[in-house]
């Protein structure tokens, strides 16, 4: 069981919960350890079950997925969180990612891609569904930094030249493999740089890196 990734499904729709539990249960590398119908119940279930990954709906009663994600990410240790939505342009997606979510998936994402996303996130590779990166970054570019520019420039000033290069490519929505090809680096080297960016910029996902780069006026 040491190699099995444990998953908690949090969604207010019982049909969605059942479908996800049934689908994920068919993969030998995953184990659905519980379900919850709202964010508050999800927090309680996380404290009890200690899942590796939480599939978190955004729009729920009692406590929504954004606030639940933020609370989970304030814990130590905290589970990885993938937010789920039915809309790729959901205005709450960016807020959920800013709250610390490790990824974003549409509920109609093919089962194999959901499994791959869970496994990737469990391995420390933040994941956005196809097209989501461009949509989210477009929303970032349309927003105003609201006075955050100086903080962003100061944060980027702590990076090495190579880390800054990687941060800019992350800010453009490139994957690790694409960054490796563009900067003539190995994929493991890129992953190591991204991990250091999380620490140095005090962020938890790639979208937050993009926000810092955007606020600094580099993209």
Protein backbone atom coordinates (compact mmCIF):
# COMPACT_ATOMS: atom_id res chain seq x y z
CA UNK A 1 0.00 0.00 0.00
CA UNK A 2 3.03 2.27 0.31
CA UNK A 3 2.86 3.12 -3.40
CA UNK A 4 -0.89 3.77 -3.41
CA UNK A 5 -2.03 7.41 -3.53
CA UNK A 6 -4.97 8.07 -1.21
CA UNK A 7 -7.71 10.41 -2.44
CA UNK A 8 -10.59 12.28 -0.80
CA UNK A 9 -13.49 13.42 -3.02
CA UNK A 10 -15.25 16.62 -1.90
CA UNK A 11 -18.31 17.61 -3.96
CA UNK A 12 -21.88 18.54 -3.08
CA UNK A 13 -23.30 16.45 -5.95
CA UNK A 14 -23.69 12.82 -4.84
CA UNK A 15 -23.69 11.61 -8.44
CA UNK A 16 -20.34 13.30 -9.10
CA UNK A 17 -18.90 11.82 -5.91
CA UNK A 18 -20.11 8.35 -6.83
CA UNK A 19 -18.83 8.60 -10.40
CA UNK A 20 -15.39 9.80 -9.32
CA UNK A 21 -15.12 7.19 -6.57
CA UNK A 22 -16.11 4.41 -8.97
CA UNK A 23 -13.77 5.61 -11.69
CA UNK A 24 -10.75 6.16 -9.42
CA UNK A 25 -11.36 2.89 -7.60
CA UNK A 26 -10.55 1.03 -10.79
CA UNK A 27 -6.94 2.22 -10.76
CA UNK A 28 -4.58 0.05 -8.66
CA UNK A 29 -2.38 3.03 -7.85
CA UNK A 30 -5.21 5.01 -6.24
CA UNK A 31 -7.41 4.47 -3.20
CA UNK A 32 -10.45 6.68 -2.47
CA UNK A 33 -10.44 6.84 1.33
CA UNK A 34 -13.53 9.00 1.74
CA UNK A 35 -16.09 11.46 0.43
CA UNK A 36 -17.50 14.76 1.72
CA UNK A 37 -20.43 16.89 0.58
CA UNK A 38 -19.09 20.37 1.44
CA UNK A 39 -15.90 22.14 2.36
CA UNK A 40 -16.42 21.96 6.13
CA UNK A 41 -17.03 18.21 5.98
CA UNK A 42 -14.00 17.95 3.71
CA UNK A 43 -11.77 19.62 6.30
CA UNK A 44 -13.01 17.23 8.99
CA UNK A 45 -12.43 14.26 6.69
CA UNK A 46 -8.90 15.45 5.91
CA UNK A 47 -8.06 15.67 9.60
CA UNK A 48 -9.29 12.12 10.12
CA UNK A 49 -8.17 10.39 6.92
CA UNK A 50 -4.98 12.28 5.97
CA UNK A 51 -5.38 11.82 2.18
CA UNK A 52 -2.50 12.47 -0.20
CA UNK A 53 -4.74 14.30 -2.71
CA UNK A 54 -8.11 16.06 -2.37
CA UNK A 55 -10.41 16.50 -5.36
CA UNK A 56 -12.20 19.70 -4.34
CA UNK A 57 -15.31 21.16 -5.97
CA UNK A 58 -15.30 24.97 -6.03
CA UNK A 59 -18.99 25.78 -5.58
CA UNK A 60 -20.40 24.12 -2.44
CA UNK A 61 -22.67 25.06 0.47
CA UNK A 62 -21.51 25.64 4.09
CA UNK A 63 -17.88 26.22 3.04
CA UNK A 64 -16.81 26.60 -0.59
CA UNK A 65 -13.80 24.96 -2.16
CA UNK A 66 -11.71 28.14 -2.16
CA UNK A 67 -11.89 28.72 1.59
CA UNK A 68 -11.53 25.00 2.27
CA UNK A 69 -8.40 24.88 0.10
CA UNK A 70 -6.92 27.91 1.81
CA UNK A 71 -7.49 26.34 5.23
CA UNK A 72 -5.98 23.03 4.16
CA UNK A 73 -2.89 24.73 2.75
CA UNK A 74 -2.32 26.56 6.04
CA UNK A 75 -1.86 23.17 7.72
CA UNK A 76 1.41 21.29 8.08
CA UNK A 77 1.52 18.85 6.48
CA UNK A 78 -1.19 19.67 3.96
CA UNK A 79 -2.62 17.45 1.21
CA UNK A 80 -2.32 18.25 -2.45
CA UNK A 81 -5.54 19.83 -3.77
CA UNK A 82 -6.99 19.64 -7.28
CA UNK A 83 -9.99 21.93 -7.76
CA UNK A 84 -12.86 20.74 -9.95
CA UNK A 85 -15.30 22.82 -11.94
CA UNK A 86 -17.76 22.48 -14.81
CA UNK A 87 -16.56 25.72 -16.43
CA UNK A 88 -13.09 26.36 -17.87
CA UNK A 89 -13.72 30.10 -17.51
CA UNK A 90 -15.02 29.91 -13.93
CA UNK A 91 -14.15 33.22 -12.30
CA UNK A 92 -13.36 31.39 -9.07
CA UNK A 93 -10.62 29.18 -10.54
CA UNK A 94 -7.89 31.81 -10.21
CA UNK A 95 -8.97 32.47 -6.61
CA UNK A 96 -8.71 28.76 -5.84
CA UNK A 97 -5.24 28.57 -7.35
CA UNK A 98 -4.18 31.69 -5.44
CA UNK A 99 -5.45 29.94 -2.31
CA UNK A 100 -2.86 27.23 -2.92
CA UNK A 101 -4.55 24.58 -5.07
CA UNK A 102 -2.06 22.40 -6.91
CA UNK A 103 -4.16 21.99 -10.01
CA UNK A 104 -7.41 22.56 -11.84
CA UNK A 105 -9.51 20.09 -13.80
CA UNK A 106 -12.83 20.23 -15.60
CA UNK A 107 -15.30 17.63 -14.37
CA UNK A 108 -15.65 16.31 -17.92
CA UNK A 109 -11.91 15.63 -18.18
CA UNK A 110 -11.37 12.07 -19.51
CA UNK A 111 -10.89 9.53 -16.69
CA UNK A 112 -7.35 8.62 -17.76
CA UNK A 113 -6.36 12.31 -17.60
CA UNK A 114 -7.87 12.70 -14.12
CA UNK A 115 -5.88 9.68 -12.92
CA UNK A 116 -2.71 11.08 -14.52
CA UNK A 117 -3.32 14.48 -12.91
CA UNK A 118 -3.75 12.94 -9.45
CA UNK A 119 -0.57 10.93 -9.83
CA UNK A 120 1.36 13.93 -11.12
CA UNK A 121 0.18 16.18 -8.28
CA UNK A 122 0.99 13.47 -5.73
CA UNK A 123 4.53 13.45 -7.17
CA UNK A 124 4.80 17.21 -6.70
CA UNK A 125 4.00 18.27 -10.27
CA UNK A 126 1.21 20.88 -10.25
CA UNK A 127 -1.34 20.17 -12.98
CA UNK A 128 -3.79 22.17 -15.06
CA UNK A 129 -6.10 20.58 -17.60
CA UNK A 130 -5.38 21.23 -21.30
CA UNK A 131 -6.11 24.84 -22.18
CA UNK A 132 -6.60 25.85 -18.55
CA UNK A 133 -3.15 27.40 -18.24
CA UNK A 134 -3.77 29.79 -21.12
CA UNK A 135 -7.24 30.68 -19.82
CA UNK A 136 -6.00 31.37 -16.30
CA UNK A 137 -2.96 33.32 -17.46
CA UNK A 138 -5.20 35.39 -19.75
CA UNK A 139 -7.27 36.32 -16.71
CA UNK A 140 -4.07 37.21 -14.83
CA UNK A 141 -2.89 39.47 -17.64
CA UNK A 142 -6.23 41.30 -17.65
CA UNK A 143 -6.04 42.00 -13.93
CA UNK A 144 -4.28 44.89 -12.27
CA UNK A 145 -1.36 44.22 -9.91
CA UNK A 146 -2.97 46.65 -7.41
CA UNK A 147 0.33 47.87 -6.05
CA UNK A 148 1.94 44.41 -5.94
CA UNK A 149 4.61 45.27 -8.54
CA UNK A 150 7.31 46.28 -6.08
CA UNK A 151 6.83 43.16 -3.96
CA UNK A 152 6.99 41.00 -7.08
CA UNK A 153 10.18 42.66 -8.34
CA UNK A 154 11.75 42.27 -4.90
CA UNK A 155 10.84 38.57 -4.82
CA UNK A 156 12.27 37.96 -8.29
CA UNK A 157 15.43 39.77 -7.22
CA UNK A 158 16.23 36.84 -4.91
CA UNK A 159 16.49 34.45 -7.88
CA UNK A 160 19.53 33.39 -9.85
CA UNK A 161 19.58 34.22 -13.55
CA UNK A 162 18.61 30.65 -14.48
CA UNK A 163 15.80 30.54 -11.90
CA UNK A 164 14.50 33.81 -13.32
CA UNK A 165 14.56 32.33 -16.84
CA UNK A 166 12.57 29.32 -15.65
CA UNK A 167 10.11 31.56 -13.78
CA UNK A 168 9.42 33.55 -16.95
CA UNK A 169 8.74 30.37 -18.94
CA UNK A 170 6.42 29.11 -16.21
CA UNK A 171 4.73 32.50 -16.46
CA UNK A 172 4.12 31.85 -20.16
CA UNK A 173 2.34 28.61 -19.31
CA UNK A 174 5.01 26.20 -20.55
CA UNK A 175 5.31 22.68 -19.14
CA UNK A 176 8.56 21.38 -17.64
CA UNK A 177 9.30 19.49 -20.85
CA UNK A 178 8.73 22.60 -22.96
CA UNK A 179 10.90 24.70 -20.66
CA UNK A 180 13.65 22.09 -20.82
CA UNK A 181 13.61 22.19 -24.61
CA UNK A 182 13.50 25.98 -24.77
CA UNK A 183 16.31 26.55 -22.24
CA UNK A 184 18.39 23.49 -23.26
CA UNK A 185 18.09 21.86 -19.85
CA UNK A 186 17.07 18.40 -18.68
CA UNK A 187 13.54 17.92 -17.34
CA UNK A 188 14.86 16.94 -13.85
CA UNK A 189 16.92 20.14 -13.78
CA UNK A 190 13.83 22.19 -14.65
CA UNK A 191 11.83 20.41 -11.93
CA UNK A 192 14.59 21.23 -9.43
CA UNK A 193 14.50 24.91 -10.45
CA UNK A 194 10.70 25.01 -10.13
CA UNK A 195 10.93 23.48 -6.64
CA UNK A 196 13.38 26.21 -5.64
CA UNK A 197 11.02 28.83 -7.08
CA UNK A 198 8.27 27.55 -4.79
CA UNK A 199 10.57 28.05 -1.80
CA UNK A 200 12.10 31.37 -2.81
CA UNK A 201 8.87 33.00 -3.98
CA UNK A 202 6.87 31.42 -1.11
CA UNK A 203 4.23 30.01 -3.46
CA UNK A 204 2.64 26.59 -3.82
CA UNK A 205 1.80 26.25 -7.53
CA UNK A 206 2.83 27.33 -11.00
CA UNK A 207 0.02 29.82 -11.42
CA UNK A 208 1.26 31.71 -8.37
CA UNK A 209 4.70 31.88 -9.99
CA UNK A 210 3.02 33.31 -13.10
CA UNK A 211 1.23 35.91 -10.98
CA UNK A 212 4.55 37.09 -9.51
CA UNK A 213 6.12 37.31 -12.97
CA UNK A 214 3.05 39.18 -14.28
CA UNK A 215 2.98 41.60 -11.36
CA UNK A 216 6.67 42.38 -11.94
CA UNK A 217 5.81 43.36 -15.52
CA UNK A 218 7.92 40.64 -17.17
CA UNK A 219 5.09 39.10 -19.24
